[in-house]
C-alpha cells in the first residue's frame, strides 16, 4: 500500500496574496469520496469572504450535475449556506452529460466568477472533470476549448484522510443515506419515467439500488455490494490524483 502524502497547512492569507498577485487563477479542492472536500472548500470560501475577497465554488462532480439525484450524489446543498455555487443541478436526471459539455459550462461559470471579482474554488472528486478544465485538455484535433477560456495557474489542495478513516466515513455515510431515503429517491426517479438502464449507467448508488428495486439483489446484498463499490471507487480516485502528481501536478495535501 502506497504511503500517504505529507500533510501541509494551507494559509488562506498567503493564498489570497498569490491570487491578487496573479500567481494563481483558480483554487482546486480535490480528494476521494468522504474525505471532507465540500466542507473544506466551503470553509475556505468563508475565510476568504472574511478577508473581504469573495469566493464562489464550482463543482467538479460528474453526477451532481443532474437534478433530482441528491441523496445518492451527496449534494448536501445546505452545507454551502451563503457561499455561491455553480455546476450543480444543471441537467435533468436521465440525460447523458459529457466532458465537452462540462468544459463549456465550467468556462462560462468561471468567467462569471472572475467578472464578479471573486476567487473561484473548484471542488470535486471527478479527476477527469478536474483535469479537463485545469490542464486545458483537448479531445481530438477539433474538440476542446481555447486555453484562454480556462485557468492556467491552478493551486491544488487535496483533502487527506487515512485509509481507515475513509473506510469508516464511507460506511457511516452510506448507512445515513439509506436512512435518509436513498431507495425512495431512486424509486421516485424510476416512477418518473427514467429508464432503469440510464440509472444503472450512473453507477454506484444508482446502479445497485436500481438493481435492488428490480429484484436482482436483496436489500442486504445491495448494501454490501454498494459499500464495496464505493470503497473501490475511492481507491481509484486516489490512484488518479497520485497519477496527477507523478505527471508533475503539485497537490498541497491537508487534513480537513
Protein backbone atom coordinates (compact mmCIF):
# COMPACT_ATOMS: atom_id res chain seq x y z
CA UNK A 1 0.00 0.00 0.00
CA UNK A 2 1.42 3.37 -1.03
CA UNK A 3 2.19 5.73 1.86
CA UNK A 4 0.03 8.79 2.35
CA UNK A 5 1.47 12.13 1.22
CA UNK A 6 2.70 14.52 3.85
CA UNK A 7 0.04 16.84 5.25
CA UNK A 8 0.53 20.59 4.91
CA UNK A 9 -1.18 23.65 6.36
CA UNK A 10 -2.72 25.92 3.74
CA UNK A 11 -2.69 29.59 4.74
CA UNK A 12 -5.75 31.42 3.33
CA UNK A 13 -3.97 34.79 3.65
CA UNK A 14 -1.00 33.57 1.59
CA UNK A 15 -3.41 32.01 -0.88
CA UNK A 16 -5.26 35.29 -1.28
CA UNK A 17 -1.99 37.18 -1.73
CA UNK A 18 -0.99 34.77 -4.51
CA UNK A 19 -4.40 35.28 -6.14
CA UNK A 20 -4.10 39.06 -6.02
CA UNK A 21 -0.57 38.94 -7.48
CA UNK A 22 -1.83 36.81 -10.34
CA UNK A 23 0.31 33.82 -9.36
CA UNK A 24 -2.79 31.61 -9.34
CA UNK A 25 -6.07 31.91 -11.20
CA UNK A 26 -8.03 29.03 -9.63
CA UNK A 27 -8.07 27.11 -6.36
CA UNK A 28 -8.95 23.44 -6.73
CA UNK A 29 -10.01 21.33 -3.73
CA UNK A 30 -9.88 17.65 -4.65
CA UNK A 31 -9.90 14.33 -2.86
CA UNK A 32 -11.58 10.94 -2.70
CA UNK A 33 -15.18 10.48 -1.69
CA UNK A 34 -15.93 11.05 2.01
CA UNK A 35 -12.69 12.99 2.56
CA UNK A 36 -14.39 16.27 3.51
CA UNK A 37 -13.84 18.19 0.24
CA UNK A 38 -17.05 20.17 0.24
CA UNK A 39 -16.80 21.16 3.88
CA UNK A 40 -13.19 22.24 3.40
CA UNK A 41 -13.98 24.23 0.25
CA UNK A 42 -16.91 25.99 1.92
CA UNK A 43 -14.77 26.76 4.97
CA UNK A 44 -12.05 28.18 2.74
CA UNK A 45 -14.59 30.29 0.85
CA UNK A 46 -15.92 31.67 4.12
CA UNK A 47 -12.43 32.50 5.29
CA UNK A 48 -11.74 34.35 2.04
CA UNK A 49 -15.04 36.17 2.46
CA UNK A 50 -13.95 37.14 5.96
CA UNK A 51 -10.80 38.57 4.36
CA UNK A 52 -13.16 40.53 2.09
CA UNK A 53 -12.05 38.74 -1.05
CA UNK A 54 -15.25 36.96 -2.01
CA UNK A 55 -15.24 33.35 -3.20
CA UNK A 56 -17.54 31.09 -5.19
CA UNK A 57 -17.47 27.32 -5.63
CA UNK A 58 -17.59 25.45 -8.94
CA UNK A 59 -18.43 21.76 -8.70
CA UNK A 60 -16.27 19.09 -10.34
CA UNK A 61 -18.60 16.18 -9.66
CA UNK A 62 -19.74 14.19 -12.67
CA UNK A 63 -23.09 13.22 -11.10
CA UNK A 64 -24.07 16.31 -9.14
CA UNK A 65 -24.87 17.99 -12.46
CA UNK A 66 -28.15 16.00 -12.51
CA UNK A 67 -31.34 17.39 -10.98
CA UNK A 68 -33.21 15.05 -8.68
CA UNK A 69 -30.17 12.92 -7.89
CA UNK A 70 -29.49 14.43 -4.49
CA UNK A 71 -29.01 11.84 -1.77
CA UNK A 72 -27.04 9.41 -3.92
CA UNK A 73 -24.63 12.06 -5.13
CA UNK A 74 -24.23 13.66 -1.70
CA UNK A 75 -25.03 17.20 -2.80
CA UNK A 76 -25.51 18.44 0.76
CA UNK A 77 -26.62 21.80 -0.61
CA UNK A 78 -27.39 23.16 2.85
CA UNK A 79 -23.68 22.93 3.60
CA UNK A 80 -22.94 25.77 1.16
CA UNK A 81 -25.06 28.22 3.11
CA UNK A 82 -24.40 31.72 1.83
CA UNK A 83 -21.50 30.65 -0.42
CA UNK A 84 -22.49 30.78 -4.13
CA UNK A 85 -22.04 27.51 -6.04
CA UNK A 86 -22.20 26.51 -9.69
CA UNK A 87 -22.43 23.44 -11.97
CA UNK A 88 -24.86 21.56 -9.72
CA UNK A 89 -28.41 20.68 -10.90
CA UNK A 90 -27.82 21.89 -14.45
CA UNK A 91 -29.26 18.96 -16.48
CA UNK A 92 -32.21 16.61 -15.89
CA UNK A 93 -31.71 13.14 -14.48
CA UNK A 94 -31.68 10.57 -17.26
CA UNK A 95 -29.67 12.77 -19.60
CA UNK A 96 -26.23 11.87 -20.88
CA UNK A 97 -23.74 14.60 -19.99
CA UNK A 98 -20.26 14.54 -21.46
CA UNK A 99 -16.90 16.11 -20.76
CA UNK A 100 -17.22 18.61 -23.61
CA UNK A 101 -20.43 19.97 -22.14
CA UNK A 102 -18.76 20.22 -18.75
CA UNK A 103 -15.81 22.15 -20.14
CA UNK A 104 -18.13 24.68 -21.74
CA UNK A 105 -20.33 25.02 -18.65
CA UNK A 106 -17.25 25.44 -16.47
CA UNK A 107 -15.76 28.09 -18.76
CA UNK A 108 -18.96 30.14 -18.61
CA UNK A 109 -19.29 29.85 -14.83
CA UNK A 110 -15.59 30.56 -14.31
CA UNK A 111 -15.79 33.71 -16.42
CA UNK A 112 -18.76 34.89 -14.37
CA UNK A 113 -16.90 34.40 -11.09
CA UNK A 114 -13.96 36.40 -12.44
CA UNK A 115 -16.24 39.21 -13.63
CA UNK A 116 -17.62 39.48 -10.11
CA UNK A 117 -14.10 39.78 -8.73
CA UNK A 118 -14.42 36.64 -6.61
CA UNK A 119 -11.95 33.80 -6.09
CA UNK A 120 -13.10 30.66 -7.98
CA UNK A 121 -12.79 27.43 -6.00
CA UNK A 122 -13.20 24.22 -7.98
CA UNK A 123 -14.29 21.37 -5.72
CA UNK A 124 -14.82 17.72 -6.52
CA UNK A 125 -13.53 14.23 -6.90
CA UNK A 126 -14.00 13.55 -10.61
CA UNK A 127 -10.41 13.50 -11.79
CA UNK A 128 -11.25 13.69 -15.48
CA UNK A 129 -13.50 16.70 -14.95
CA UNK A 130 -10.83 18.43 -12.90
CA UNK A 131 -8.07 17.81 -15.42
CA UNK A 132 -10.28 18.75 -18.37
CA UNK A 133 -10.55 22.32 -17.09
CA UNK A 134 -7.31 22.83 -15.17
CA UNK A 135 -4.91 21.33 -17.69
CA UNK A 136 -6.54 22.61 -20.91
CA UNK A 137 -7.28 19.14 -22.19
CA UNK A 138 -8.30 18.82 -25.81
CA UNK A 139 -10.16 15.73 -27.01
CA UNK A 140 -9.28 15.13 -30.64
CA UNK A 141 -7.93 17.62 -33.14
CA UNK A 142 -11.04 19.82 -33.33
CA UNK A 143 -12.56 19.42 -29.84
CA UNK A 144 -11.78 21.23 -26.61
CA UNK A 145 -11.88 24.88 -25.57
CA UNK A 146 -9.25 27.52 -26.32
CA UNK A 147 -6.77 27.62 -23.41
CA UNK A 148 -7.51 31.29 -22.75
CA UNK A 149 -11.03 30.36 -21.60
CA UNK A 150 -9.67 28.05 -18.91
CA UNK A 151 -7.46 28.62 -15.86
CA UNK A 152 -3.74 28.09 -16.39
CA UNK A 153 -2.32 28.56 -12.87
CA UNK A 154 -4.29 26.29 -10.57
CA UNK A 155 -3.43 25.86 -6.90
CA UNK A 156 -4.41 22.30 -5.97
CA UNK A 157 -5.42 21.38 -2.42
CA UNK A 158 -6.03 17.73 -1.56
CA UNK A 159 -8.16 16.64 1.41
CA UNK A 160 -6.20 13.93 3.18
CA UNK A 161 -7.64 11.15 5.31
CA UNK A 162 -6.13 7.80 6.23
CA UNK A 163 -7.47 4.68 4.59
CA UNK A 164 -9.03 3.61 7.88
CA UNK A 165 -10.75 7.00 8.29
CA UNK A 166 -12.00 6.88 4.72
CA UNK A 167 -13.42 3.37 5.10
CA UNK A 168 -15.23 4.30 8.30
CA UNK A 169 -16.62 7.50 6.79
CA UNK A 170 -17.87 5.73 3.67
CA UNK A 171 -19.61 3.04 5.71
CA UNK A 172 -21.20 5.60 8.03
CA UNK A 173 -22.27 7.86 5.18
CA UNK A 174 -23.83 5.01 3.22
CA UNK A 175 -25.87 3.97 6.24
CA UNK A 176 -27.00 7.57 6.70
CA UNK A 177 -28.00 7.92 3.06
CA UNK A 178 -30.03 4.74 3.16
CA UNK A 179 -31.81 6.05 6.25
CA UNK A 180 -32.36 9.46 4.62
CA UNK A 181 -34.28 7.91 1.73
CA UNK A 182 -31.81 6.83 -0.95
CA UNK A 183 -34.02 3.91 -2.00
CA UNK A 184 -37.05 6.16 -2.16
CA UNK A 185 -35.12 8.69 -4.26
CA UNK A 186 -34.21 6.05 -6.83
CA UNK A 187 -37.74 4.63 -6.81
CA UNK A 188 -39.07 8.12 -7.49
CA UNK A 189 -36.71 8.56 -10.44
CA UNK A 190 -37.89 5.25 -11.91
CA UNK A 191 -41.55 6.12 -11.36
CA UNK A 192 -40.85 9.48 -13.00
CA UNK A 193 -40.04 7.71 -16.25
CA UNK A 194 -36.26 7.39 -16.17
CA UNK A 195 -35.22 4.07 -17.69
CA UNK A 196 -33.51 1.61 -15.33
CA UNK A 197 -30.56 1.28 -17.69
CA UNK A 198 -30.00 5.03 -17.52
CA UNK A 199 -29.81 4.97 -13.73
CA UNK A 200 -27.57 1.91 -13.81
CA UNK A 201 -25.31 3.82 -16.21
CA UNK A 202 -24.66 6.42 -13.48
CA UNK A 203 -23.10 3.72 -11.31
CA UNK A 204 -22.63 3.27 -7.56
CA UNK A 205 -25.77 4.20 -5.57
CA UNK A 206 -27.99 4.44 -8.64
CA UNK A 207 -26.76 1.19 -10.14
CA UNK A 208 -27.11 -1.02 -7.09
CA UNK A 209 -30.30 0.50 -5.71
CA UNK A 210 -31.94 0.21 -9.13
CA UNK A 211 -30.89 -3.42 -9.34
CA UNK A 212 -32.35 -3.97 -5.86
CA UNK A 213 -35.65 -2.39 -6.90
CA UNK A 214 -35.69 -4.61 -9.99
CA UNK A 215 -35.38 -7.65 -7.73
CA UNK A 216 -31.83 -8.53 -8.74
CA UNK A 217 -30.45 -8.21 -5.18
CA UNK A 218 -31.82 -8.46 -1.69
CA UNK A 219 -31.55 -5.33 0.43
CA UNK A 220 -28.63 -6.82 2.37
CA UNK A 221 -26.82 -7.83 -0.83
CA UNK A 222 -27.36 -4.38 -2.29
CA UNK A 223 -25.90 -2.66 0.77
CA UNK A 224 -22.82 -4.90 0.80
CA UNK A 225 -22.18 -4.65 -2.95
CA UNK A 226 -22.69 -0.89 -2.92
CA UNK A 227 -20.36 -0.37 0.04
CA UNK A 228 -17.64 -2.43 -1.64
CA UNK A 229 -18.09 -0.49 -4.89
CA UNK A 230 -17.76 2.87 -3.12
CA UNK A 231 -14.58 1.73 -1.38
CA UNK A 232 -13.12 0.65 -4.71
CA UNK A 233 -14.18 3.94 -6.29
CA UNK A 234 -12.43 5.96 -3.57
CA UNK A 235 -9.27 3.93 -4.10
CA UNK A 236 -9.39 4.65 -7.85
CA UNK A 237 -9.82 8.35 -7.11
CA UNK A 238 -6.67 8.42 -5.00
CA UNK A 239 -4.83 6.49 -7.71
CA UNK A 240 -5.89 9.16 -10.23
CA UNK A 241 -4.74 12.03 -8.02
CA UNK A 242 -1.40 10.40 -7.25
CA UNK A 243 -1.03 9.89 -11.01
CA UNK A 244 -1.52 13.63 -11.49
CA UNK A 245 1.35 14.17 -9.06
CA UNK A 246 3.57 11.77 -10.98
CA UNK A 247 2.71 13.81 -14.07
CA UNK A 248 4.05 16.97 -12.43
CA UNK A 249 0.99 18.44 -10.70
CA UNK A 250 1.73 19.85 -7.24
CA UNK A 251 -1.05 18.98 -4.81
CA UNK A 252 -0.96 20.53 -1.34
CA UNK A 253 -2.43 17.80 0.82
CA UNK A 254 -4.04 18.95 4.04
CA UNK A 255 -6.14 17.38 6.76
CA UNK A 256 -9.63 18.91 6.60
